[in-house]
């Protein structure tokens, strides 16, 4: 990723799982001066990041960081009460993990 992509990536990481409008990204990711000089500076970069698979967009043109791919396996949901009982008895219970987790920066650098 280049410097502009990193700046957008870091900004979107702070928003977590929410989609953010392109105008808001242009306004807040690059700073006040950059937005004043060129109000739509981030739009071509956002489209490039979507093509590379770093970001995803919804039908209204809002963007967020693409989530890590789901891992298939025999993971099943258990209630928190049962997980607590199992952990007290010494059985290690792995959390199935949230599919909406953001990966480390290195993962997105490879895309």
C-alpha atoms as a PDB file:
ATOM      1  CA  UNK A   1       0.000   0.000   0.000  1.00  0.00           C
ATOM      2  CA  UNK A   2       1.161   3.513  -0.699  1.00  0.00           C
ATOM      3  CA  UNK A   3       0.941   6.411   1.759  1.00  0.00           C
ATOM      4  CA  UNK A   4      -2.561   7.520   0.738  1.00  0.00           C
ATOM      5  CA  UNK A   5      -3.914   3.986   0.977  1.00  0.00           C
ATOM      6  CA  UNK A   6      -2.357   3.568   4.428  1.00  0.00           C
ATOM      7  CA  UNK A   7      -3.903   6.827   5.593  1.00  0.00           C
ATOM      8  CA  UNK A   8      -7.358   5.732   4.433  1.00  0.00           C
ATOM      9  CA  UNK A   9      -6.849   2.256   5.904  1.00  0.00           C
ATOM     10  CA  UNK A  10      -5.893   3.645   9.313  1.00  0.00           C
ATOM     11  CA  UNK A  11      -8.882   5.989   9.283  1.00  0.00           C
ATOM     12  CA  UNK A  12     -11.324   3.196   8.397  1.00  0.00           C
ATOM     13  CA  UNK A  13      -9.853   0.918  11.077  1.00  0.00           C
ATOM     14  CA  UNK A  14     -11.065   3.397  13.673  1.00  0.00           C
ATOM     15  CA  UNK A  15     -14.632   2.968  12.402  1.00  0.00           C
ATOM     16  CA  UNK A  16     -14.632  -0.810  12.866  1.00  0.00           C
ATOM     17  CA  UNK A  17     -17.490  -2.569  11.100  1.00  0.00           C
ATOM     18  CA  UNK A  18     -19.350   0.573   9.989  1.00  0.00           C
ATOM     19  CA  UNK A  19     -19.563   1.792   6.425  1.00  0.00           C
ATOM     20  CA  UNK A  20     -18.284   5.349   5.952  1.00  0.00           C
ATOM     21  CA  UNK A  21     -19.232   7.745   3.148  1.00  0.00           C
ATOM     22  CA  UNK A  22     -16.559   8.634   0.607  1.00  0.00           C
ATOM     23  CA  UNK A  23     -17.059  12.333   1.310  1.00  0.00           C
ATOM     24  CA  UNK A  24     -16.421  11.744   5.016  1.00  0.00           C
ATOM     25  CA  UNK A  25     -13.241   9.817   4.200  1.00  0.00           C
ATOM     26  CA  UNK A  26     -12.057  12.655   1.948  1.00  0.00           C
ATOM     27  CA  UNK A  27     -12.781  15.176   4.678  1.00  0.00           C
ATOM     28  CA  UNK A  28     -11.304  13.440   7.692  1.00  0.00           C
ATOM     29  CA  UNK A  29      -8.597  11.036   6.492  1.00  0.00           C
ATOM     30  CA  UNK A  30      -6.324  13.527   4.780  1.00  0.00           C
ATOM     31  CA  UNK A  31      -6.726  16.495   7.023  1.00  0.00           C
ATOM     32  CA  UNK A  32      -8.310  19.890   6.707  1.00  0.00           C
ATOM     33  CA  UNK A  33      -5.801  21.384   4.287  1.00  0.00           C
ATOM     34  CA  UNK A  34      -5.864  18.496   1.851  1.00  0.00           C
ATOM     35  CA  UNK A  35      -9.661  18.465   1.775  1.00  0.00           C
ATOM     36  CA  UNK A  36      -9.731  22.217   1.173  1.00  0.00           C
ATOM     37  CA  UNK A  37      -7.270  21.979  -1.732  1.00  0.00           C
ATOM     38  CA  UNK A  38      -8.881  18.937  -3.386  1.00  0.00           C
ATOM     39  CA  UNK A  39     -12.256  17.878  -1.921  1.00  0.00           C
ATOM     40  CA  UNK A  40     -12.472  14.525  -3.742  1.00  0.00           C
ATOM     41  CA  UNK A  41      -8.863  13.373  -3.434  1.00  0.00           C
ATOM     42  CA  UNK A  42      -9.677   9.948  -1.963  1.00  0.00           C
ATOM     43  CA  UNK A  43     -12.290   8.725  -4.434  1.00  0.00           C
ATOM     44  CA  UNK A  44      -9.898   7.226  -7.029  1.00  0.00           C
ATOM     45  CA  UNK A  45      -7.851   5.685  -4.233  1.00  0.00           C
ATOM     46  CA  UNK A  46     -10.974   4.145  -2.680  1.00  0.00           C
ATOM     47  CA  UNK A  47     -11.960   2.570  -5.995  1.00  0.00           C
ATOM     48  CA  UNK A  48      -8.442   1.193  -6.443  1.00  0.00           C
ATOM     49  CA  UNK A  49      -8.560  -0.285  -2.935  1.00  0.00           C
ATOM     50  CA  UNK A  50     -11.910  -1.947  -3.704  1.00  0.00           C
ATOM     51  CA  UNK A  51     -10.446  -3.482  -6.880  1.00  0.00           C
ATOM     52  CA  UNK A  52      -7.476  -4.839  -4.914  1.00  0.00           C
ATOM     53  CA  UNK A  53      -9.776  -6.369  -2.283  1.00  0.00           C
ATOM     54  CA  UNK A  54      -8.715  -4.190   0.643  1.00  0.00           C
ATOM     55  CA  UNK A  55     -12.056  -2.405   0.985  1.00  0.00           C
ATOM     56  CA  UNK A  56     -15.645  -3.285   0.285  1.00  0.00           C
ATOM     57  CA  UNK A  57     -18.466  -0.930  -0.583  1.00  0.00           C
ATOM     58  CA  UNK A  58     -22.218  -1.081  -0.251  1.00  0.00           C
ATOM     59  CA  UNK A  59     -24.861   0.020  -2.740  1.00  0.00           C
ATOM     60  CA  UNK A  60     -24.887   3.603  -1.450  1.00  0.00           C
ATOM     61  CA  UNK A  61     -21.165   4.182  -2.065  1.00  0.00           C
ATOM     62  CA  UNK A  62     -19.980   3.825   1.517  1.00  0.00           C
ATOM     63  CA  UNK A  63     -16.753   1.961   2.280  1.00  0.00           C
ATOM     64  CA  UNK A  64     -15.289  -0.202   5.026  1.00  0.00           C
ATOM     65  CA  UNK A  65     -12.315  -2.513   5.442  1.00  0.00           C
ATOM     66  CA  UNK A  66     -12.954  -5.938   4.017  1.00  0.00           C
ATOM     67  CA  UNK A  67     -13.224  -8.576   6.719  1.00  0.00           C
ATOM     68  CA  UNK A  68     -11.060 -11.665   6.929  1.00  0.00           C
ATOM     69  CA  UNK A  69     -12.470 -14.651   5.061  1.00  0.00           C
ATOM     70  CA  UNK A  70     -14.471 -17.095   7.153  1.00  0.00           C
ATOM     71  CA  UNK A  71     -12.670 -20.280   8.092  1.00  0.00           C
ATOM     72  CA  UNK A  72     -14.688 -23.413   7.596  1.00  0.00           C
ATOM     73  CA  UNK A  73     -14.588 -26.140  10.173  1.00  0.00           C
ATOM     74  CA  UNK A  74     -16.543 -27.970  12.796  1.00  0.00           C
ATOM     75  CA  UNK A  75     -16.950 -24.991  15.050  1.00  0.00           C
ATOM     76  CA  UNK A  76     -20.252 -24.791  16.803  1.00  0.00           C
ATOM     77  CA  UNK A  77     -21.808 -22.171  18.956  1.00  0.00           C
ATOM     78  CA  UNK A  78     -22.056 -22.897  22.676  1.00  0.00           C
ATOM     79  CA  UNK A  79     -23.706 -20.786  25.281  1.00  0.00           C
ATOM     80  CA  UNK A  80     -21.457 -18.640  27.486  1.00  0.00           C
ATOM     81  CA  UNK A  81     -22.647 -20.563  30.565  1.00  0.00           C
ATOM     82  CA  UNK A  82     -21.548 -23.904  29.147  1.00  0.00           C
ATOM     83  CA  UNK A  83     -18.239 -22.397  27.990  1.00  0.00           C
ATOM     84  CA  UNK A  84     -17.633 -21.152  31.531  1.00  0.00           C
ATOM     85  CA  UNK A  85     -18.383 -24.580  33.026  1.00  0.00           C
ATOM     86  CA  UNK A  86     -16.059 -26.273  30.536  1.00  0.00           C
ATOM     87  CA  UNK A  87     -13.250 -23.816  31.240  1.00  0.00           C
ATOM     88  CA  UNK A  88     -13.639 -24.355  34.994  1.00  0.00           C
ATOM     89  CA  UNK A  89     -13.318 -28.103  34.482  1.00  0.00           C
ATOM     90  CA  UNK A  90     -10.088 -27.634  32.516  1.00  0.00           C
ATOM     91  CA  UNK A  91     -11.365 -28.039  28.966  1.00  0.00           C
ATOM     92  CA  UNK A  92     -10.046 -25.353  26.662  1.00  0.00           C
ATOM     93  CA  UNK A  93     -12.844 -23.767  24.675  1.00  0.00           C
ATOM     94  CA  UNK A  94     -11.816 -21.826  21.609  1.00  0.00           C
ATOM     95  CA  UNK A  95     -13.957 -18.923  20.607  1.00  0.00           C
ATOM     96  CA  UNK A  96     -15.338 -19.422  17.125  1.00  0.00           C
ATOM     97  CA  UNK A  97     -14.334 -15.844  16.447  1.00  0.00           C
ATOM     98  CA  UNK A  98     -16.295 -13.102  14.860  1.00  0.00           C
ATOM     99  CA  UNK A  99     -16.283 -13.114  11.069  1.00  0.00           C
ATOM    100  CA  UNK A 100     -16.291  -9.340  11.147  1.00  0.00           C
ATOM    101  CA  UNK A 101     -12.780  -9.096  12.612  1.00  0.00           C
ATOM    102  CA  UNK A 102     -10.276  -6.883  10.884  1.00  0.00           C
ATOM    103  CA  UNK A 103      -7.014  -8.586  10.044  1.00  0.00           C
ATOM    104  CA  UNK A 104      -3.539  -7.272  10.810  1.00  0.00           C
ATOM    105  CA  UNK A 105      -2.052  -4.569   8.584  1.00  0.00           C
ATOM    106  CA  UNK A 106       0.352  -7.091   7.025  1.00  0.00           C
ATOM    107  CA  UNK A 107      -2.596  -9.037   5.608  1.00  0.00           C
ATOM    108  CA  UNK A 108      -3.817  -5.986   3.703  1.00  0.00           C
ATOM    109  CA  UNK A 109      -0.294  -5.084   2.543  1.00  0.00           C
ATOM    110  CA  UNK A 110      -0.182  -8.385   0.662  1.00  0.00           C
ATOM    111  CA  UNK A 111      -3.369  -7.688  -1.299  1.00  0.00           C
END
